[in-house]
Amino acid sequence: MAGASVARIAKVEDAGAHLYDAIGAFLNQHRLSPDPRHYAFAFRVLSDPKGVVAQSVAAMTEGGIRLSSRDIESLGGEVGALNAAAPLAAISAADGLVAQTQMQVEGFTDMMQTIRAETQGFGRDLAASADAIRNADAALGVTEVVRLTGVMLDRVRSTEERLEAATREADELRAKLEEARDNARRDPLTDLPNRRAFEEAFTAGVAAGDKMCVAVCDIDRFKTVNDRFGHAVGDRVLKAIATELVDGCPGHFVARYGGEEFAVLFSGVERQAALAILEKARETVAAKRYRLRDTDEPLGAVTFSAGLTAAQPGEMLGTVFGRADALLYAAKDGGRNVLHAA
């Protein structure tokens, strides 16, 4: 009995060690910091590999794509109060706009039903007046027609005013919905398009038959910046790199893909031309020397590494992105501040 108990304990310990190693690999694969929230999410995924969350993660990461903060939030995970607040506010705003839209549709429906009922009533009254005219009571019939027409004209004018007001409200709501749609595809920190917008842009390019290259860029040693100077400085670094990428890749689609990672979609250019554009942007960033705004203390050089590849006809984004991501890893392993292309 004692031997069996020891064997069971050893088996449990082996399973626990295996799960611990798997969680570490999961966090490393998706470049998630090892804080309790991310650890809990990884445990939830890996401890129930056939569960709904694990299956959803597998679908989202097919082709080597890493999880983003938005993905983790959508699956019920936490990424910290600062990161979660903006998406939750956006969801609340979107829900409010949907409710307003529903109310407006119902208002238009009620208005049309009222107009229809009034028109039918007017028609019946006119028919009765026509009968009166035919029955030789012309004066009474004409008087009634005039009265009914006056009443109907008043109703028409009132309805026109209501329709005009409702149309103004609909135009305002349409503008708000368009703004909400744009916000759902935009990163609140850098104001760049986000992962969803990048995926949509790639899909649109495929549909149009565009020649495309995908680059994945990652800020080197970004965790060190956050640990040493704080997240406020880290946020300013992210904004600075975002600006440099946009300025350095004019006419091409630059997005914040998640964390310290950016993606660039080059359209209408060959791989070699895209490589030259991104290499120049990398050199520009590496040549800059940043200082802390408050103390003027040198922050030092901030660099990024990148992987770039050309999309082949018929390839899905997951395949292309996975290839660019592997090239990024090779660039990181090669010493950082490097751009690899294939």
C-alpha atoms as a PDB file:
ATOM      1  CA  MET A   1       0.000   0.000   0.000  1.00  0.00           C
ATOM      2  CA  ALA A   2       2.774   2.411   0.906  1.00  0.00           C
ATOM      3  CA  GLY A   3       4.513   1.704  -2.377  1.00  0.00           C
ATOM      4  CA  ALA A   4       1.321   2.393  -4.317  1.00  0.00           C
ATOM      5  CA  SER A   5       0.827   5.692  -2.448  1.00  0.00           C
ATOM      6  CA  VAL A   6       4.368   6.760  -3.199  1.00  0.00           C
ATOM      7  CA  ALA A   7       3.861   5.894  -6.876  1.00  0.00           C
ATOM      8  CA  ARG A   8       0.669   7.940  -7.020  1.00  0.00           C
ATOM      9  CA  ILE A   9       2.378  10.907  -5.370  1.00  0.00           C
ATOM     10  CA  ALA A  10       5.282  10.657  -7.811  1.00  0.00           C
ATOM     11  CA  LYS A  11       2.838  10.527 -10.709  1.00  0.00           C
ATOM     12  CA  VAL A  12       1.023  13.629  -9.473  1.00  0.00           C
ATOM     13  CA  GLU A  13       4.326  15.448  -8.986  1.00  0.00           C
ATOM     14  CA  ASP A  14       5.429  14.520 -12.525  1.00  0.00           C
ATOM     15  CA  ALA A  15       2.141  15.790 -13.932  1.00  0.00           C
ATOM     16  CA  GLY A  16       2.472  19.012 -11.957  1.00  0.00           C
ATOM     17  CA  ALA A  17       6.030  19.561 -13.176  1.00  0.00           C
ATOM     18  CA  HIS A  18       4.957  18.883 -16.743  1.00  0.00           C
ATOM     19  CA  LEU A  19       2.086  21.387 -16.453  1.00  0.00           C
ATOM     20  CA  TYR A  20       4.419  23.956 -14.896  1.00  0.00           C
ATOM     21  CA  ASP A  21       6.876  23.570 -17.788  1.00  0.00           C
ATOM     22  CA  ALA A  22       4.035  23.759 -20.306  1.00  0.00           C
ATOM     23  CA  ILE A  23       2.737  26.995 -18.757  1.00  0.00           C
ATOM     24  CA  GLY A  24       6.222  28.505 -18.955  1.00  0.00           C
ATOM     25  CA  ALA A  25       6.509  27.511 -22.614  1.00  0.00           C
ATOM     26  CA  PHE A  26       3.018  28.936 -23.309  1.00  0.00           C
ATOM     27  CA  LEU A  27       3.904  32.308 -21.736  1.00  0.00           C
ATOM     28  CA  ASN A  28       7.180  32.429 -23.638  1.00  0.00           C
ATOM     29  CA  GLN A  29       5.536  31.467 -26.941  1.00  0.00           C
ATOM     30  CA  HIS A  30       2.987  34.276 -26.690  1.00  0.00           C
ATOM     31  CA  ARG A  31       5.427  36.722 -25.053  1.00  0.00           C
ATOM     32  CA  LEU A  32       3.258  37.149 -21.996  1.00  0.00           C
ATOM     33  CA  SER A  33       4.817  38.427 -18.788  1.00  0.00           C
ATOM     34  CA  PRO A  34       4.815  35.808 -15.983  1.00  0.00           C
ATOM     35  CA  ASP A  35       2.383  37.673 -13.740  1.00  0.00           C
ATOM     36  CA  PRO A  36      -0.458  35.864 -11.885  1.00  0.00           C
ATOM     37  CA  ARG A  37      -3.134  36.880 -14.390  1.00  0.00           C
ATOM     38  CA  HIS A  38      -1.288  35.439 -17.382  1.00  0.00           C
ATOM     39  CA  TYR A  39      -0.251  32.364 -15.367  1.00  0.00           C
ATOM     40  CA  ALA A  40      -3.894  31.737 -14.385  1.00  0.00           C
ATOM     41  CA  PHE A  41      -5.021  32.067 -17.997  1.00  0.00           C
ATOM     42  CA  ALA A  42      -2.311  29.649 -19.203  1.00  0.00           C
ATOM     43  CA  PHE A  43      -3.272  27.186 -16.450  1.00  0.00           C
ATOM     44  CA  ARG A  44      -6.911  27.405 -17.534  1.00  0.00           C
ATOM     45  CA  VAL A  45      -5.965  26.626 -21.138  1.00  0.00           C
ATOM     46  CA  LEU A  46      -3.448  23.849 -20.496  1.00  0.00           C
ATOM     47  CA  SER A  47      -5.203  22.075 -17.633  1.00  0.00           C
ATOM     48  CA  ASP A  48      -8.257  21.440 -19.835  1.00  0.00           C
ATOM     49  CA  PRO A  49      -6.883  20.903 -23.361  1.00  0.00           C
ATOM     50  CA  LYS A  50     -10.282  19.770 -24.693  1.00  0.00           C
ATOM     51  CA  GLY A  51     -12.201  22.632 -23.113  1.00  0.00           C
ATOM     52  CA  VAL A  52     -13.844  25.528 -24.953  1.00  0.00           C
ATOM     53  CA  VAL A  53     -11.131  28.044 -24.012  1.00  0.00           C
ATOM     54  CA  ALA A  54      -8.307  25.760 -25.145  1.00  0.00           C
ATOM     55  CA  GLN A  55     -10.062  25.062 -28.445  1.00  0.00           C
ATOM     56  CA  SER A  56     -10.646  28.777 -28.995  1.00  0.00           C
ATOM     57  CA  VAL A  57      -6.974  29.501 -28.310  1.00  0.00           C
ATOM     58  CA  ALA A  58      -5.970  26.792 -30.786  1.00  0.00           C
ATOM     59  CA  ALA A  59      -8.185  28.347 -33.472  1.00  0.00           C
ATOM     60  CA  MET A  60      -6.906  31.873 -32.819  1.00  0.00           C
ATOM     61  CA  THR A  61      -3.232  30.860 -32.875  1.00  0.00           C
ATOM     62  CA  GLU A  62      -3.358  28.566 -35.888  1.00  0.00           C
ATOM     63  CA  GLY A  63      -0.394  29.210 -38.160  1.00  0.00           C
ATOM     64  CA  GLY A  64       1.859  30.486 -35.375  1.00  0.00           C
ATOM     65  CA  ILE A  65      -0.050  33.692 -34.538  1.00  0.00           C
ATOM     66  CA  ARG A  66       0.455  34.823 -30.953  1.00  0.00           C
ATOM     67  CA  LEU A  67      -2.355  35.767 -28.596  1.00  0.00           C
ATOM     68  CA  SER A  68      -3.056  39.472 -28.170  1.00  0.00           C
ATOM     69  CA  SER A  69      -4.414  41.197 -25.067  1.00  0.00           C
ATOM     70  CA  ARG A  70      -7.782  41.555 -26.837  1.00  0.00           C
ATOM     71  CA  ASP A  71      -7.849  37.786 -27.466  1.00  0.00           C
ATOM     72  CA  ILE A  72      -7.202  37.009 -23.806  1.00  0.00           C
ATOM     73  CA  GLU A  73      -9.911  39.455 -22.720  1.00  0.00           C
ATOM     74  CA  SER A  74     -12.409  37.974 -25.172  1.00  0.00           C
ATOM     75  CA  LEU A  75     -11.765  34.520 -23.690  1.00  0.00           C
ATOM     76  CA  GLY A  76     -12.363  35.690 -20.144  1.00  0.00           C
ATOM     77  CA  GLY A  77      -8.745  36.255 -19.122  1.00  0.00           C
ATOM     78  CA  GLU A  78      -7.386  39.371 -17.413  1.00  0.00           C
ATOM     79  CA  VAL A  79      -4.566  41.559 -18.663  1.00  0.00           C
ATOM     80  CA  GLY A  80      -4.592  44.164 -15.920  1.00  0.00           C
ATOM     81  CA  ALA A  81      -6.905  47.027 -15.039  1.00  0.00           C
ATOM     82  CA  LEU A  82      -5.168  49.615 -17.225  1.00  0.00           C
ATOM     83  CA  ASN A  83      -5.351  47.502 -20.362  1.00  0.00           C
ATOM     84  CA  ALA A  84      -8.836  46.156 -19.692  1.00  0.00           C
ATOM     85  CA  ALA A  85     -10.517  49.492 -19.005  1.00  0.00           C
ATOM     86  CA  ALA A  86     -10.437  50.787 -22.584  1.00  0.00           C
ATOM     87  CA  PRO A  87     -11.924  47.663 -24.211  1.00  0.00           C
ATOM     88  CA  LEU A  88     -14.657  47.464 -21.573  1.00  0.00           C
ATOM     89  CA  ALA A  89     -15.534  51.119 -22.146  1.00  0.00           C
ATOM     90  CA  ALA A  90     -15.598  50.529 -25.894  1.00  0.00           C
ATOM     91  CA  ILE A  91     -17.923  47.543 -25.430  1.00  0.00           C
ATOM     92  CA  SER A  92     -20.233  49.615 -23.232  1.00  0.00           C
ATOM     93  CA  ALA A  93     -20.306  52.442 -25.796  1.00  0.00           C
ATOM     94  CA  ALA A  94     -20.980  50.010 -28.630  1.00  0.00           C
ATOM     95  CA  ASP A  95     -23.827  48.399 -26.681  1.00  0.00           C
ATOM     96  CA  GLY A  96     -25.352  51.847 -26.141  1.00  0.00           C
ATOM     97  CA  LEU A  97     -25.172  52.645 -29.847  1.00  0.00           C
ATOM     98  CA  VAL A  98     -26.780  49.327 -30.720  1.00  0.00           C
ATOM     99  CA  ALA A  99     -29.606  50.086 -28.291  1.00  0.00           C
ATOM    100  CA  GLN A 100     -30.064  53.555 -29.818  1.00  0.00           C
ATOM    101  CA  THR A 101     -30.153  52.056 -33.302  1.00  0.00           C
ATOM    102  CA  GLN A 102     -32.800  49.545 -32.242  1.00  0.00           C
ATOM    103  CA  MET A 103     -34.892  52.309 -30.690  1.00  0.00           C
ATOM    104  CA  GLN A 104     -34.596  54.414 -33.839  1.00  0.00           C
ATOM    105  CA  VAL A 105     -35.636  51.528 -36.081  1.00  0.00           C
ATOM    106  CA  GLU A 106     -38.628  50.903 -33.840  1.00  0.00           C
ATOM    107  CA  GLY A 107     -39.451  54.636 -33.917  1.00  0.00           C
ATOM    108  CA  PHE A 108     -39.401  54.700 -37.716  1.00  0.00           C
ATOM    109  CA  THR A 109     -41.605  51.595 -37.775  1.00  0.00           C
ATOM    110  CA  ASP A 110     -44.139  53.176 -35.412  1.00  0.00           C
ATOM    111  CA  MET A 111     -44.126  56.368 -37.462  1.00  0.00           C
ATOM    112  CA  MET A 112     -44.764  54.517 -40.729  1.00  0.00           C
ATOM    113  CA  GLN A 113     -47.613  52.534 -39.151  1.00  0.00           C
ATOM    114  CA  THR A 114     -49.186  55.760 -37.883  1.00  0.00           C
ATOM    115  CA  ILE A 115     -48.903  57.399 -41.321  1.00  0.00           C
ATOM    116  CA  ARG A 116     -50.435  54.326 -42.941  1.00  0.00           C
ATOM    117  CA  ALA A 117     -53.360  54.320 -40.491  1.00  0.00           C
ATOM    118  CA  GLU A 118     -53.953  58.057 -40.980  1.00  0.00           C
ATOM    119  CA  THR A 119     -53.836  57.689 -44.770  1.00  0.00           C
ATOM    120  CA  GLN A 120     -56.323  54.802 -44.673  1.00  0.00           C
ATOM    121  CA  GLY A 121     -58.648  56.848 -42.450  1.00  0.00           C
ATOM    122  CA  PHE A 122     -58.376  59.849 -44.767  1.00  0.00           C
ATOM    123  CA  GLY A 123     -59.224  57.615 -47.720  1.00  0.00           C
ATOM    124  CA  ARG A 124     -62.325  56.263 -46.001  1.00  0.00           C
ATOM    125  CA  ASP A 125     -63.486  59.757 -45.047  1.00  0.00           C
ATOM    126  CA  LEU A 126     -62.951  61.034 -48.593  1.00  0.00           C
ATOM    127  CA  ALA A 127     -64.957  58.107 -49.964  1.00  0.00           C
ATOM    128  CA  ALA A 128     -67.805  58.981 -47.587  1.00  0.00           C
ATOM    129  CA  SER A 129     -67.676  62.617 -48.696  1.00  0.00           C
ATOM    130  CA  ALA A 130     -67.733  61.543 -52.356  1.00  0.00           C
ATOM    131  CA  ASP A 131     -70.882  59.522 -51.636  1.00  0.00           C
ATOM    132  CA  ALA A 132     -72.447  62.590 -50.040  1.00  0.00           C
ATOM    133  CA  ILE A 133     -71.646  64.666 -53.129  1.00  0.00           C
ATOM    134  CA  ARG A 134     -73.182  62.000 -55.402  1.00  0.00           C
ATOM    135  CA  ASN A 135     -76.311  61.948 -53.216  1.00  0.00           C
ATOM    136  CA  ALA A 136     -76.994  65.620 -54.063  1.00  0.00           C
ATOM    137  CA  ASP A 137     -75.717  66.949 -50.735  1.00  0.00           C
ATOM    138  CA  ALA A 138     -72.876  68.623 -52.607  1.00  0.00           C
ATOM    139  CA  ALA A 139     -72.387  71.630 -50.324  1.00  0.00           C
ATOM    140  CA  LEU A 140     -72.055  69.417 -47.246  1.00  0.00           C
ATOM    141  CA  GLY A 141     -69.819  67.013 -49.124  1.00  0.00           C
ATOM    142  CA  VAL A 142     -67.467  69.731 -50.370  1.00  0.00           C
ATOM    143  CA  THR A 143     -67.311  71.344 -46.932  1.00  0.00           C
ATOM    144  CA  GLU A 144     -66.388  67.994 -45.423  1.00  0.00           C
ATOM    145  CA  VAL A 145     -63.738  67.393 -48.085  1.00  0.00           C
ATOM    146  CA  VAL A 146     -62.183  70.790 -47.331  1.00  0.00           C
ATOM    147  CA  ARG A 147     -62.206  70.056 -43.607  1.00  0.00           C
ATOM    148  CA  LEU A 148     -60.702  66.602 -44.041  1.00  0.00           C
ATOM    149  CA  THR A 149     -58.061  67.920 -46.400  1.00  0.00           C
ATOM    150  CA  GLY A 150     -57.083  70.621 -43.911  1.00  0.00           C
ATOM    151  CA  VAL A 151     -56.799  68.056 -41.124  1.00  0.00           C
ATOM    152  CA  MET A 152     -54.730  65.749 -43.332  1.00  0.00           C
ATOM    153  CA  LEU A 153     -52.412  68.593 -44.388  1.00  0.00           C
ATOM    154  CA  ASP A 154     -51.791  69.430 -40.723  1.00  0.00           C
ATOM    155  CA  ARG A 155     -50.966  65.777 -40.067  1.00  0.00           C
ATOM    156  CA  VAL A 156     -48.641  65.677 -43.085  1.00  0.00           C
ATOM    157  CA  ARG A 157     -46.788  68.785 -41.890  1.00  0.00           C
ATOM    158  CA  SER A 158     -46.455  67.296 -38.392  1.00  0.00           C
ATOM    159  CA  THR A 159     -45.212  64.025 -39.842  1.00  0.00           C
ATOM    160  CA  GLU A 160     -42.681  65.848 -42.051  1.00  0.00           C
ATOM    161  CA  GLU A 161     -41.273  67.615 -38.982  1.00  0.00           C
ATOM    162  CA  ARG A 162     -41.027  64.300 -37.113  1.00  0.00           C
ATOM    163  CA  LEU A 163     -39.352  62.656 -40.107  1.00  0.00           C
ATOM    164  CA  GLU A 164     -36.884  65.518 -40.428  1.00  0.00           C
ATOM    165  CA  ALA A 165     -35.961  65.274 -36.735  1.00  0.00           C
ATOM    166  CA  ALA A 166     -35.666  61.478 -36.963  1.00  0.00           C
ATOM    167  CA  THR A 167     -33.458  61.794 -40.069  1.00  0.00           C
ATOM    168  CA  ARG A 168     -31.118  64.182 -38.229  1.00  0.00           C
ATOM    169  CA  GLU A 169     -30.913  61.735 -35.328  1.00  0.00           C
ATOM    170  CA  ALA A 170     -30.213  58.895 -37.772  1.00  0.00           C
ATOM    171  CA  ASP A 171     -27.370  60.872 -39.386  1.00  0.00           C
ATOM    172  CA  GLU A 172     -25.837  61.595 -35.972  1.00  0.00           C
ATOM    173  CA  LEU A 173     -26.179  57.960 -34.969  1.00  0.00           C
ATOM    174  CA  ARG A 174     -24.621  56.817 -38.251  1.00  0.00           C
ATOM    175  CA  ALA A 175     -21.603  59.055 -37.540  1.00  0.00           C
ATOM    176  CA  LYS A 176     -21.300  57.659 -34.004  1.00  0.00           C
ATOM    177  CA  LEU A 177     -21.512  54.083 -35.294  1.00  0.00           C
ATOM    178  CA  GLU A 178     -18.796  54.802 -37.839  1.00  0.00           C
ATOM    179  CA  GLU A 179     -16.632  56.267 -35.080  1.00  0.00           C
ATOM    180  CA  ALA A 180     -17.277  53.206 -32.884  1.00  0.00           C
ATOM    181  CA  ARG A 181     -16.412  50.926 -35.802  1.00  0.00           C
ATOM    182  CA  ASP A 182     -13.147  52.795 -36.300  1.00  0.00           C
ATOM    183  CA  ASN A 183     -12.345  52.685 -32.568  1.00  0.00           C
ATOM    184  CA  ALA A 184     -12.878  48.923 -32.531  1.00  0.00           C
ATOM    185  CA  ARG A 185     -10.101  48.643 -35.124  1.00  0.00           C
ATOM    186  CA  ARG A 186      -7.695  51.118 -33.548  1.00  0.00           C
ATOM    187  CA  ASP A 187      -5.159  50.806 -30.732  1.00  0.00           C
ATOM    188  CA  PRO A 188      -6.009  53.439 -28.065  1.00  0.00           C
ATOM    189  CA  LEU A 189      -2.394  54.036 -27.000  1.00  0.00           C
ATOM    190  CA  THR A 190      -0.622  54.546 -30.340  1.00  0.00           C
ATOM    191  CA  ASP A 191      -3.724  55.380 -32.424  1.00  0.00           C
ATOM    192  CA  LEU A 192      -2.523  52.828 -34.961  1.00  0.00           C
ATOM    193  CA  PRO A 193      -4.827  50.239 -36.543  1.00  0.00           C
ATOM    194  CA  ASN A 194      -4.984  47.117 -34.379  1.00  0.00           C
ATOM    195  CA  ARG A 195      -4.716  43.408 -35.099  1.00  0.00           C
ATOM    196  CA  ARG A 196      -8.305  43.122 -36.343  1.00  0.00           C
ATOM    197  CA  ALA A 197      -7.785  46.002 -38.785  1.00  0.00           C
ATOM    198  CA  PHE A 198      -4.536  44.427 -40.002  1.00  0.00           C
ATOM    199  CA  GLU A 199      -6.268  41.113 -40.667  1.00  0.00           C
ATOM    200  CA  GLU A 200      -9.044  42.895 -42.558  1.00  0.00           C
ATOM    201  CA  ALA A 201      -6.516  44.859 -44.632  1.00  0.00           C
ATOM    202  CA  PHE A 202      -4.695  41.640 -45.574  1.00  0.00           C
ATOM    203  CA  THR A 203      -7.984  39.970 -46.538  1.00  0.00           C
ATOM    204  CA  ALA A 204      -8.924  42.973 -48.670  1.00  0.00           C
ATOM    205  CA  GLY A 205      -5.519  42.860 -50.362  1.00  0.00           C
ATOM    206  CA  VAL A 206      -5.943  39.165 -51.166  1.00  0.00           C
ATOM    207  CA  ALA A 207      -9.398  39.833 -52.624  1.00  0.00           C
ATOM    208  CA  ALA A 208      -7.982  42.628 -54.787  1.00  0.00           C
ATOM    209  CA  GLY A 209      -5.079  40.466 -55.964  1.00  0.00           C
ATOM    210  CA  ASP A 210      -2.487  42.876 -54.553  1.00  0.00           C
ATOM    211  CA  LYS A 211       1.169  41.991 -54.259  1.00  0.00           C
ATOM    212  CA  MET A 212       1.885  42.034 -50.508  1.00  0.00           C
ATOM    213  CA  CYS A 213       4.705  41.619 -47.995  1.00  0.00           C
ATOM    214  CA  VAL A 214       4.232  41.202 -44.245  1.00  0.00           C
ATOM    215  CA  ALA A 215       6.713  42.370 -41.632  1.00  0.00           C
ATOM    216  CA  VAL A 216       6.591  41.644 -37.901  1.00  0.00           C
ATOM    217  CA  CYS A 217       8.558  44.108 -35.739  1.00  0.00           C
ATOM    218  CA  ASP A 218       9.301  43.754 -32.037  1.00  0.00           C
ATOM    219  CA  ILE A 219      10.968  46.313 -29.743  1.00  0.00           C
ATOM    220  CA  ASP A 220      14.214  44.895 -28.347  1.00  0.00           C
ATOM    221  CA  ARG A 221      14.433  44.390 -24.587  1.00  0.00           C
ATOM    222  CA  PHE A 222      11.210  46.288 -24.029  1.00  0.00           C
ATOM    223  CA  LYS A 223      10.608  44.596 -20.667  1.00  0.00           C
ATOM    224  CA  THR A 224      13.859  46.123 -19.438  1.00  0.00           C
ATOM    225  CA  VAL A 225      12.542  49.592 -20.298  1.00  0.00           C
ATOM    226  CA  ASN A 226       9.334  48.952 -18.343  1.00  0.00           C
ATOM    227  CA  ASP A 227      11.172  47.421 -15.378  1.00  0.00           C
ATOM    228  CA  ARG A 228      13.773  50.173 -15.189  1.00  0.00           C
ATOM    229  CA  PHE A 229      11.776  53.292 -16.007  1.00  0.00           C
ATOM    230  CA  GLY A 230       8.127  52.303 -15.501  1.00  0.00           C
ATOM    231  CA  HIS A 231       5.167  51.670 -17.764  1.00  0.00           C
ATOM    232  CA  ALA A 232       4.547  55.367 -18.464  1.00  0.00           C
ATOM    233  CA  VAL A 233       7.954  55.599 -20.138  1.00  0.00           C
ATOM    234  CA  GLY A 234       7.295  52.281 -21.868  1.00  0.00           C
ATOM    235  CA  ASP A 235       4.080  53.717 -23.302  1.00  0.00           C
ATOM    236  CA  ARG A 236       5.970  56.730 -24.659  1.00  0.00           C
ATOM    237  CA  VAL A 237       8.489  54.394 -26.287  1.00  0.00           C
ATOM    238  CA  LEU A 238       5.666  52.481 -27.959  1.00  0.00           C
ATOM    239  CA  LYS A 239       4.218  55.747 -29.291  1.00  0.00           C
ATOM    240  CA  ALA A 240       7.637  56.859 -30.558  1.00  0.00           C
ATOM    241  CA  ILE A 241       8.264  53.598 -32.426  1.00  0.00           C
ATOM    242  CA  ALA A 242       4.744  53.719 -33.854  1.00  0.00           C
ATOM    243  CA  THR A 243       5.409  57.218 -35.221  1.00  0.00           C
ATOM    244  CA  GLU A 244       8.776  56.197 -36.699  1.00  0.00           C
ATOM    245  CA  LEU A 245       7.271  53.177 -38.445  1.00  0.00           C
ATOM    246  CA  VAL A 246       4.419  55.220 -39.919  1.00  0.00           C
ATOM    247  CA  ASP A 247       6.813  57.954 -41.068  1.00  0.00           C
ATOM    248  CA  GLY A 248       9.335  55.420 -42.354  1.00  0.00           C
ATOM    249  CA  CYS A 249       6.799  53.300 -44.278  1.00  0.00           C
ATOM    250  CA  PRO A 250       4.612  55.931 -45.990  1.00  0.00           C
ATOM    251  CA  GLY A 251       1.712  54.569 -47.976  1.00  0.00           C
ATOM    252  CA  HIS A 252       1.835  51.185 -46.253  1.00  0.00           C
ATOM    253  CA  PHE A 253      -0.312  49.724 -43.467  1.00  0.00           C
ATOM    254  CA  VAL A 254       1.315  49.894 -40.010  1.00  0.00           C
ATOM    255  CA  ALA A 255      -0.529  48.315 -37.072  1.00  0.00           C
ATOM    256  CA  ARG A 256       0.127  47.609 -33.423  1.00  0.00           C
ATOM    257  CA  TYR A 257      -0.369  43.864 -33.295  1.00  0.00           C
ATOM    258  CA  GLY A 258      -0.123  43.486 -29.533  1.00  0.00           C
ATOM    259  CA  GLY A 259       2.215  44.351 -26.664  1.00  0.00           C
ATOM    260  CA  GLU A 260       5.493  45.689 -28.060  1.00  0.00           C
ATOM    261  CA  GLU A 261       4.871  44.093 -31.444  1.00  0.00           C
ATOM    262  CA  PHE A 262       4.002  45.928 -34.654  1.00  0.00           C
ATOM    263  CA  ALA A 263       3.067  44.594 -38.079  1.00  0.00           C
ATOM    264  CA  VAL A 264       3.531  46.262 -41.453  1.00  0.00           C
ATOM    265  CA  LEU A 265       1.618  45.309 -44.585  1.00  0.00           C
ATOM    266  CA  PHE A 266       3.474  46.414 -47.707  1.00  0.00           C
ATOM    267  CA  SER A 267       1.229  46.529 -50.777  1.00  0.00           C
ATOM    268  CA  GLY A 268       2.216  46.855 -54.415  1.00  0.00           C
ATOM    269  CA  VAL A 269       5.959  46.418 -53.874  1.00  0.00           C
ATOM    270  CA  GLU A 270       8.420  43.552 -54.265  1.00  0.00           C
ATOM    271  CA  ARG A 271      10.047  41.990 -51.211  1.00  0.00           C
ATOM    272  CA  GLN A 272      13.369  43.715 -51.907  1.00  0.00           C
ATOM    273  CA  ALA A 273      11.725  47.152 -52.028  1.00  0.00           C
ATOM    274  CA  ALA A 274       9.814  46.449 -48.799  1.00  0.00           C
ATOM    275  CA  LEU A 275      13.051  45.281 -47.204  1.00  0.00           C
ATOM    276  CA  ALA A 276      14.826  48.525 -48.154  1.00  0.00           C
ATOM    277  CA  ILE A 277      11.979  50.647 -46.728  1.00  0.00           C
ATOM    278  CA  LEU A 278      11.852  48.791 -43.415  1.00  0.00           C
ATOM    279  CA  GLU A 279      15.643  48.638 -43.106  1.00  0.00           C
ATOM    280  CA  LYS A 280      15.830  52.411 -43.425  1.00  0.00           C
ATOM    281  CA  ALA A 281      13.150  52.793 -40.735  1.00  0.00           C
ATOM    282  CA  ARG A 282      15.099  50.419 -38.468  1.00  0.00           C
ATOM    283  CA  GLU A 283      18.318  52.427 -38.963  1.00  0.00           C
ATOM    284  CA  THR A 284      16.495  55.689 -38.219  1.00  0.00           C
ATOM    285  CA  VAL A 285      15.124  54.322 -34.945  1.00  0.00           C
ATOM    286  CA  ALA A 286      18.494  52.857 -33.912  1.00  0.00           C
ATOM    287  CA  ALA A 287      20.248  56.189 -34.529  1.00  0.00           C
ATOM    288  CA  LYS A 288      17.990  58.122 -32.155  1.00  0.00           C
ATOM    289  CA  ARG A 289      18.883  58.678 -28.505  1.00  0.00           C
ATOM    290  CA  TYR A 290      15.923  59.116 -26.206  1.00  0.00           C
ATOM    291  CA  ARG A 291      15.815  60.962 -22.887  1.00  0.00           C
ATOM    292  CA  LEU A 292      13.340  60.917 -20.008  1.00  0.00           C
ATOM    293  CA  ARG A 293      10.941  63.840 -20.267  1.00  0.00           C
ATOM    294  CA  ASP A 294      10.970  64.681 -16.550  1.00  0.00           C
ATOM    295  CA  THR A 295      14.638  64.366 -15.631  1.00  0.00           C
ATOM    296  CA  ASP A 296      16.374  64.529 -19.035  1.00  0.00           C
ATOM    297  CA  GLU A 297      18.110  61.281 -18.040  1.00  0.00           C
ATOM    298  CA  PRO A 298      19.365  59.363 -21.085  1.00  0.00           C
ATOM    299  CA  LEU A 299      17.162  56.414 -21.970  1.00  0.00           C
ATOM    300  CA  GLY A 300      19.719  55.254 -24.481  1.00  0.00           C
ATOM    301  CA  ALA A 301      19.152  53.595 -27.803  1.00  0.00           C
ATOM    302  CA  VAL A 302      15.830  51.928 -28.515  1.00  0.00           C
ATOM    303  CA  THR A 303      15.880  49.390 -31.330  1.00  0.00           C
ATOM    304  CA  PHE A 304      13.581  46.877 -32.933  1.00  0.00           C
ATOM    305  CA  SER A 305      14.113  43.598 -34.728  1.00  0.00           C
ATOM    306  CA  ALA A 306      11.955  42.407 -37.589  1.00  0.00           C
ATOM    307  CA  GLY A 307      11.115  39.560 -39.904  1.00  0.00           C
ATOM    308  CA  LEU A 308       9.756  40.186 -43.394  1.00  0.00           C
ATOM    309  CA  THR A 309       8.364  37.866 -46.040  1.00  0.00           C
ATOM    310  CA  ALA A 310       6.386  38.081 -49.272  1.00  0.00           C
ATOM    311  CA  ALA A 311       2.877  36.642 -49.357  1.00  0.00           C
ATOM    312  CA  GLN A 312       2.452  34.041 -52.062  1.00  0.00           C
ATOM    313  CA  PRO A 313      -0.790  33.828 -54.073  1.00  0.00           C
ATOM    314  CA  GLY A 314      -3.474  31.989 -52.137  1.00  0.00           C
ATOM    315  CA  GLU A 315      -1.634  32.039 -48.791  1.00  0.00           C
ATOM    316  CA  MET A 316      -3.617  32.721 -45.623  1.00  0.00           C
ATOM    317  CA  LEU A 317      -2.468  35.383 -43.184  1.00  0.00           C
ATOM    318  CA  GLY A 318      -1.633  32.765 -40.546  1.00  0.00           C
ATOM    319  CA  THR A 319       0.887  31.135 -42.870  1.00  0.00           C
ATOM    320  CA  VAL A 320       2.496  34.405 -43.970  1.00  0.00           C
ATOM    321  CA  PHE A 321       2.547  35.857 -40.466  1.00  0.00           C
ATOM    322  CA  GLY A 322       3.994  32.641 -39.045  1.00  0.00           C
ATOM    323  CA  ARG A 323       6.849  32.781 -41.549  1.00  0.00           C
ATOM    324  CA  ALA A 324       7.574  36.453 -40.761  1.00  0.00           C
ATOM    325  CA  ASP A 325       7.405  35.693 -37.042  1.00  0.00           C
ATOM    326  CA  ALA A 326       9.957  32.890 -37.396  1.00  0.00           C
ATOM    327  CA  LEU A 327      12.261  35.321 -39.183  1.00  0.00           C
ATOM    328  CA  LEU A 328      11.760  37.775 -36.314  1.00  0.00           C
ATOM    329  CA  TYR A 329      12.808  35.113 -33.817  1.00  0.00           C
ATOM    330  CA  ALA A 330      15.904  34.448 -35.915  1.00  0.00           C
ATOM    331  CA  ALA A 331      16.692  38.166 -35.872  1.00  0.00           C
ATOM    332  CA  LYS A 332      16.315  38.215 -32.080  1.00  0.00           C
ATOM    333  CA  ASP A 333      18.584  35.206 -31.743  1.00  0.00           C
ATOM    334  CA  GLY A 334      21.076  36.875 -34.073  1.00  0.00           C
ATOM    335  CA  GLY A 335      21.728  39.725 -31.670  1.00  0.00           C
ATOM    336  CA  ARG A 336      18.690  42.007 -32.060  1.00  0.00           C
ATOM    337  CA  ASN A 337      18.428  45.294 -33.961  1.00  0.00           C
ATOM    338  CA  VAL A 338      18.401  43.114 -37.070  1.00  0.00           C
ATOM    339  CA  LEU A 339      16.012  42.619 -39.988  1.00  0.00           C
ATOM    340  CA  HIS A 340      15.717  39.147 -41.520  1.00  0.00           C
ATOM    341  CA  ALA A 341      13.818  38.512 -44.755  1.00  0.00           C
ATOM    342  CA  ALA A 342      13.003  35.474 -46.859  1.00  0.00           C
END
